[in-house]
């Protein structure tokens, strides 16, 4: 059985009209797209909408992938833009009245509580900081790839990540953890 082609090769084939390659690409990266959208948008249903929009944008725009960067860099840019668009749409919608949740957190594992705390803290960050931190700490992109995705200089990326992490540490009540990356097991 031949080895599974890498994403860049699949993207080239998909751009040339190979529907099977496109489906394989979308299947392979759907979880990553959703994880990025969930962290940027911070609301489960809106993250699903952003994920769907990102996948549609990839399918429609795959012919524009020119191979100058890695497919995943291009993919993260498309997903980030879809998530930011969803945030903008969400800001224009009226807010529903809060519902009462009486389920409590008794019996929920510490890892889940920690993840929810991180998600809540991420939601408080300014959009520019949140996106940079998510791309670095969740998607594990390097600074140059993030600069490409966000179309900003690498120095701006470093600044946004540092400021975003500092704000997260303060929000999480952990100011002594400065310089450490977010630790999550859900990527």
C-alpha atoms as a PDB file:
ATOM      1  CA  UNK A   1       0.000   0.000   0.000  1.00  0.00           C
ATOM      2  CA  UNK A   2       1.537   3.379  -0.977  1.00  0.00           C
ATOM      3  CA  UNK A   3       2.211   5.903   1.812  1.00  0.00           C
ATOM      4  CA  UNK A   4      -0.399   8.526   2.542  1.00  0.00           C
ATOM      5  CA  UNK A   5       0.424  11.684   0.550  1.00  0.00           C
ATOM      6  CA  UNK A   6       1.313  14.772   2.574  1.00  0.00           C
ATOM      7  CA  UNK A   7      -1.030  17.732   2.792  1.00  0.00           C
ATOM      8  CA  UNK A   8       0.925  19.865   0.322  1.00  0.00           C
ATOM      9  CA  UNK A   9       0.688  17.151  -2.337  1.00  0.00           C
ATOM     10  CA  UNK A  10      -3.009  16.641  -1.609  1.00  0.00           C
ATOM     11  CA  UNK A  11      -3.554  20.396  -1.902  1.00  0.00           C
ATOM     12  CA  UNK A  12      -1.833  20.468  -5.299  1.00  0.00           C
ATOM     13  CA  UNK A  13      -4.009  17.592  -6.470  1.00  0.00           C
ATOM     14  CA  UNK A  14      -7.158  19.205  -5.046  1.00  0.00           C
ATOM     15  CA  UNK A  15      -6.293  22.502  -6.762  1.00  0.00           C
ATOM     16  CA  UNK A  16      -6.054  20.561 -10.027  1.00  0.00           C
ATOM     17  CA  UNK A  17      -9.615  19.265  -9.537  1.00  0.00           C
ATOM     18  CA  UNK A  18      -9.127  15.997  -7.603  1.00  0.00           C
ATOM     19  CA  UNK A  19     -12.251  15.841  -5.384  1.00  0.00           C
ATOM     20  CA  UNK A  20     -10.936  12.825  -3.476  1.00  0.00           C
ATOM     21  CA  UNK A  21      -7.788  14.740  -2.531  1.00  0.00           C
ATOM     22  CA  UNK A  22      -9.920  17.670  -1.355  1.00  0.00           C
ATOM     23  CA  UNK A  23     -12.120  15.396   0.761  1.00  0.00           C
ATOM     24  CA  UNK A  24      -9.049  13.741   2.287  1.00  0.00           C
ATOM     25  CA  UNK A  25      -7.564  17.164   3.078  1.00  0.00           C
ATOM     26  CA  UNK A  26     -10.745  18.404   4.731  1.00  0.00           C
ATOM     27  CA  UNK A  27     -11.134  15.180   6.725  1.00  0.00           C
ATOM     28  CA  UNK A  28      -7.488  15.301   7.803  1.00  0.00           C
ATOM     29  CA  UNK A  29      -7.649  18.897   9.035  1.00  0.00           C
ATOM     30  CA  UNK A  30     -11.256  19.253  10.259  1.00  0.00           C
ATOM     31  CA  UNK A  31     -10.352  18.787  13.934  1.00  0.00           C
ATOM     32  CA  UNK A  32      -7.555  21.361  13.733  1.00  0.00           C
ATOM     33  CA  UNK A  33      -9.815  23.860  12.002  1.00  0.00           C
ATOM     34  CA  UNK A  34     -12.490  23.355  14.647  1.00  0.00           C
ATOM     35  CA  UNK A  35      -9.998  23.640  17.526  1.00  0.00           C
ATOM     36  CA  UNK A  36      -8.707  26.933  16.147  1.00  0.00           C
ATOM     37  CA  UNK A  37     -12.213  28.304  15.547  1.00  0.00           C
ATOM     38  CA  UNK A  38     -13.407  27.186  18.989  1.00  0.00           C
ATOM     39  CA  UNK A  39     -10.586  29.015  20.701  1.00  0.00           C
ATOM     40  CA  UNK A  40     -10.878  32.182  18.633  1.00  0.00           C
ATOM     41  CA  UNK A  41     -14.680  32.398  18.742  1.00  0.00           C
ATOM     42  CA  UNK A  42     -15.093  30.938  22.267  1.00  0.00           C
ATOM     43  CA  UNK A  43     -18.711  29.852  21.752  1.00  0.00           C
ATOM     44  CA  UNK A  44     -19.376  26.231  20.691  1.00  0.00           C
ATOM     45  CA  UNK A  45     -22.183  26.858  18.190  1.00  0.00           C
ATOM     46  CA  UNK A  46     -20.450  29.874  16.664  1.00  0.00           C
ATOM     47  CA  UNK A  47     -17.235  27.841  16.416  1.00  0.00           C
ATOM     48  CA  UNK A  48     -19.110  25.174  14.461  1.00  0.00           C
ATOM     49  CA  UNK A  49     -20.417  27.874  12.121  1.00  0.00           C
ATOM     50  CA  UNK A  50     -16.899  29.270  11.681  1.00  0.00           C
ATOM     51  CA  UNK A  51     -15.529  25.770  11.082  1.00  0.00           C
ATOM     52  CA  UNK A  52     -18.122  25.116   8.399  1.00  0.00           C
ATOM     53  CA  UNK A  53     -17.400  28.479   6.764  1.00  0.00           C
ATOM     54  CA  UNK A  54     -13.662  27.755   6.844  1.00  0.00           C
ATOM     55  CA  UNK A  55     -14.115  24.363   5.226  1.00  0.00           C
ATOM     56  CA  UNK A  56     -16.355  25.856   2.535  1.00  0.00           C
ATOM     57  CA  UNK A  57     -13.760  28.582   1.937  1.00  0.00           C
ATOM     58  CA  UNK A  58     -11.025  25.950   1.593  1.00  0.00           C
ATOM     59  CA  UNK A  59     -13.117  23.947  -0.877  1.00  0.00           C
ATOM     60  CA  UNK A  60     -13.979  27.020  -2.934  1.00  0.00           C
ATOM     61  CA  UNK A  61     -10.538  28.585  -2.731  1.00  0.00           C
ATOM     62  CA  UNK A  62      -8.239  25.577  -3.095  1.00  0.00           C
ATOM     63  CA  UNK A  63      -7.474  26.606  -6.680  1.00  0.00           C
ATOM     64  CA  UNK A  64      -5.889  29.784  -5.245  1.00  0.00           C
ATOM     65  CA  UNK A  65      -3.447  27.782  -3.120  1.00  0.00           C
ATOM     66  CA  UNK A  66      -0.202  28.415  -4.982  1.00  0.00           C
ATOM     67  CA  UNK A  67       2.228  26.357  -2.898  1.00  0.00           C
ATOM     68  CA  UNK A  68       4.435  29.326  -1.903  1.00  0.00           C
ATOM     69  CA  UNK A  69       3.802  28.422   1.725  1.00  0.00           C
ATOM     70  CA  UNK A  70       2.866  25.168   3.401  1.00  0.00           C
ATOM     71  CA  UNK A  71      -0.745  24.153   2.916  1.00  0.00           C
ATOM     72  CA  UNK A  72      -1.287  24.247   6.690  1.00  0.00           C
ATOM     73  CA  UNK A  73      -0.162  27.898   6.806  1.00  0.00           C
ATOM     74  CA  UNK A  74      -2.695  28.759   4.117  1.00  0.00           C
ATOM     75  CA  UNK A  75      -5.335  26.649   5.884  1.00  0.00           C
ATOM     76  CA  UNK A  76      -4.775  28.407   9.218  1.00  0.00           C
ATOM     77  CA  UNK A  77      -5.124  31.767   7.511  1.00  0.00           C
ATOM     78  CA  UNK A  78      -8.440  30.721   5.943  1.00  0.00           C
ATOM     79  CA  UNK A  79      -9.680  29.300   9.283  1.00  0.00           C
ATOM     80  CA  UNK A  80      -8.546  32.376  11.218  1.00  0.00           C
ATOM     81  CA  UNK A  81     -10.349  34.660   8.777  1.00  0.00           C
ATOM     82  CA  UNK A  82     -13.516  32.549   9.048  1.00  0.00           C
ATOM     83  CA  UNK A  83     -13.366  32.696  12.850  1.00  0.00           C
ATOM     84  CA  UNK A  84     -12.799  36.465  12.843  1.00  0.00           C
ATOM     85  CA  UNK A  85     -15.690  36.911  10.400  1.00  0.00           C
ATOM     86  CA  UNK A  86     -17.893  34.865  12.737  1.00  0.00           C
ATOM     87  CA  UNK A  87     -16.867  37.083  15.661  1.00  0.00           C
ATOM     88  CA  UNK A  88     -17.840  40.162  13.650  1.00  0.00           C
ATOM     89  CA  UNK A  89     -21.209  38.611  12.738  1.00  0.00           C
ATOM     90  CA  UNK A  90     -21.751  37.671  16.379  1.00  0.00           C
ATOM     91  CA  UNK A  91     -21.117  41.249  17.507  1.00  0.00           C
ATOM     92  CA  UNK A  92     -23.925  42.436  15.234  1.00  0.00           C
ATOM     93  CA  UNK A  93     -26.441  39.946  16.677  1.00  0.00           C
ATOM     94  CA  UNK A  94     -28.602  40.742  19.703  1.00  0.00           C
ATOM     95  CA  UNK A  95     -27.532  38.951  22.871  1.00  0.00           C
ATOM     96  CA  UNK A  96     -29.925  36.307  24.237  1.00  0.00           C
ATOM     97  CA  UNK A  97     -30.945  36.517  27.850  1.00  0.00           C
ATOM     98  CA  UNK A  98     -28.738  34.362  30.079  1.00  0.00           C
ATOM     99  CA  UNK A  99     -30.126  30.971  31.012  1.00  0.00           C
ATOM    100  CA  UNK A 100     -29.834  29.372  34.404  1.00  0.00           C
ATOM    101  CA  UNK A 101     -27.526  26.358  34.472  1.00  0.00           C
ATOM    102  CA  UNK A 102     -28.123  24.248  37.546  1.00  0.00           C
ATOM    103  CA  UNK A 103     -25.981  21.292  36.510  1.00  0.00           C
ATOM    104  CA  UNK A 104     -22.968  22.513  38.528  1.00  0.00           C
ATOM    105  CA  UNK A 105     -19.418  21.309  38.157  1.00  0.00           C
ATOM    106  CA  UNK A 106     -19.451  18.599  40.788  1.00  0.00           C
ATOM    107  CA  UNK A 107     -17.751  15.500  39.526  1.00  0.00           C
ATOM    108  CA  UNK A 108     -16.141  17.135  36.464  1.00  0.00           C
ATOM    109  CA  UNK A 109     -12.500  16.239  36.041  1.00  0.00           C
ATOM    110  CA  UNK A 110      -9.873  18.885  36.784  1.00  0.00           C
ATOM    111  CA  UNK A 111      -8.678  18.806  33.175  1.00  0.00           C
ATOM    112  CA  UNK A 112     -12.117  19.826  31.928  1.00  0.00           C
ATOM    113  CA  UNK A 113     -12.362  22.625  34.470  1.00  0.00           C
ATOM    114  CA  UNK A 114      -8.904  23.852  33.496  1.00  0.00           C
ATOM    115  CA  UNK A 115      -9.828  23.805  29.817  1.00  0.00           C
ATOM    116  CA  UNK A 116     -12.998  25.755  30.498  1.00  0.00           C
ATOM    117  CA  UNK A 117     -11.022  28.281  32.547  1.00  0.00           C
ATOM    118  CA  UNK A 118      -8.538  28.714  29.710  1.00  0.00           C
ATOM    119  CA  UNK A 119     -11.341  29.087  27.157  1.00  0.00           C
ATOM    120  CA  UNK A 120     -13.053  31.701  29.332  1.00  0.00           C
ATOM    121  CA  UNK A 121      -9.781  33.588  29.820  1.00  0.00           C
ATOM    122  CA  UNK A 122      -9.094  33.444  26.075  1.00  0.00           C
ATOM    123  CA  UNK A 123     -12.518  34.946  25.414  1.00  0.00           C
ATOM    124  CA  UNK A 124     -11.544  38.025  27.446  1.00  0.00           C
ATOM    125  CA  UNK A 125      -8.460  38.761  25.351  1.00  0.00           C
ATOM    126  CA  UNK A 126      -8.537  41.352  22.592  1.00  0.00           C
ATOM    127  CA  UNK A 127      -9.027  39.654  19.226  1.00  0.00           C
ATOM    128  CA  UNK A 128      -5.471  40.334  17.971  1.00  0.00           C
ATOM    129  CA  UNK A 129      -3.875  38.818  21.076  1.00  0.00           C
ATOM    130  CA  UNK A 130      -6.265  35.850  21.218  1.00  0.00           C
ATOM    131  CA  UNK A 131      -5.650  34.850  17.595  1.00  0.00           C
ATOM    132  CA  UNK A 132      -1.861  35.081  17.959  1.00  0.00           C
ATOM    133  CA  UNK A 133      -1.849  33.037  21.191  1.00  0.00           C
ATOM    134  CA  UNK A 134      -4.166  30.376  19.739  1.00  0.00           C
ATOM    135  CA  UNK A 135      -2.085  30.019  16.575  1.00  0.00           C
ATOM    136  CA  UNK A 136       1.108  29.656  18.628  1.00  0.00           C
ATOM    137  CA  UNK A 137       0.017  27.630  21.638  1.00  0.00           C
ATOM    138  CA  UNK A 138      -2.815  25.552  20.215  1.00  0.00           C
ATOM    139  CA  UNK A 139      -1.852  25.196  16.563  1.00  0.00           C
ATOM    140  CA  UNK A 140       1.892  25.161  17.341  1.00  0.00           C
ATOM    141  CA  UNK A 141       2.800  27.473  14.459  1.00  0.00           C
ATOM    142  CA  UNK A 142       6.158  29.252  14.570  1.00  0.00           C
ATOM    143  CA  UNK A 143       6.346  33.048  14.624  1.00  0.00           C
ATOM    144  CA  UNK A 144       7.084  33.361  10.901  1.00  0.00           C
ATOM    145  CA  UNK A 145       4.095  31.181   9.980  1.00  0.00           C
ATOM    146  CA  UNK A 146       1.843  33.221  12.282  1.00  0.00           C
ATOM    147  CA  UNK A 147       3.163  36.418  10.693  1.00  0.00           C
ATOM    148  CA  UNK A 148       2.221  34.987   7.297  1.00  0.00           C
ATOM    149  CA  UNK A 149      -1.242  33.914   8.466  1.00  0.00           C
ATOM    150  CA  UNK A 150      -1.989  37.295  10.059  1.00  0.00           C
ATOM    151  CA  UNK A 151      -0.118  39.346   7.462  1.00  0.00           C
ATOM    152  CA  UNK A 152       1.857  41.248  10.107  1.00  0.00           C
ATOM    153  CA  UNK A 153       5.600  41.464  10.883  1.00  0.00           C
ATOM    154  CA  UNK A 154       7.121  38.746  13.139  1.00  0.00           C
ATOM    155  CA  UNK A 155       7.891  41.373  15.788  1.00  0.00           C
ATOM    156  CA  UNK A 156       4.194  42.211  15.999  1.00  0.00           C
ATOM    157  CA  UNK A 157       3.435  38.509  16.434  1.00  0.00           C
ATOM    158  CA  UNK A 158       5.938  38.256  19.311  1.00  0.00           C
ATOM    159  CA  UNK A 159       4.436  41.313  20.971  1.00  0.00           C
ATOM    160  CA  UNK A 160       0.852  40.080  20.629  1.00  0.00           C
ATOM    161  CA  UNK A 161       1.758  36.659  21.998  1.00  0.00           C
ATOM    162  CA  UNK A 162       3.670  38.110  24.948  1.00  0.00           C
ATOM    163  CA  UNK A 163       0.902  40.550  25.800  1.00  0.00           C
ATOM    164  CA  UNK A 164      -1.790  37.904  25.278  1.00  0.00           C
ATOM    165  CA  UNK A 165      -0.012  35.405  27.518  1.00  0.00           C
ATOM    166  CA  UNK A 166       0.488  38.048  30.210  1.00  0.00           C
ATOM    167  CA  UNK A 167      -3.218  38.885  30.110  1.00  0.00           C
ATOM    168  CA  UNK A 168      -4.093  35.180  30.269  1.00  0.00           C
ATOM    169  CA  UNK A 169      -1.834  34.646  33.253  1.00  0.00           C
ATOM    170  CA  UNK A 170      -3.450  37.560  35.053  1.00  0.00           C
ATOM    171  CA  UNK A 171      -6.954  36.337  34.167  1.00  0.00           C
ATOM    172  CA  UNK A 172      -6.115  32.841  35.370  1.00  0.00           C
ATOM    173  CA  UNK A 173      -4.554  34.149  38.583  1.00  0.00           C
ATOM    174  CA  UNK A 174      -1.118  32.840  37.696  1.00  0.00           C
ATOM    175  CA  UNK A 175       1.185  35.847  37.150  1.00  0.00           C
ATOM    176  CA  UNK A 176       4.315  33.855  38.131  1.00  0.00           C
ATOM    177  CA  UNK A 177       3.966  31.512  35.134  1.00  0.00           C
ATOM    178  CA  UNK A 178       5.313  34.142  32.740  1.00  0.00           C
ATOM    179  CA  UNK A 179       6.902  32.791  29.562  1.00  0.00           C
ATOM    180  CA  UNK A 180       5.289  29.351  29.588  1.00  0.00           C
ATOM    181  CA  UNK A 181       3.053  28.099  26.817  1.00  0.00           C
ATOM    182  CA  UNK A 182      -0.583  27.182  27.348  1.00  0.00           C
ATOM    183  CA  UNK A 183      -0.988  23.499  28.130  1.00  0.00           C
ATOM    184  CA  UNK A 184      -4.064  21.821  26.715  1.00  0.00           C
ATOM    185  CA  UNK A 185      -4.659  18.267  25.659  1.00  0.00           C
ATOM    186  CA  UNK A 186      -7.517  18.913  23.248  1.00  0.00           C
ATOM    187  CA  UNK A 187      -5.704  19.945  20.081  1.00  0.00           C
END
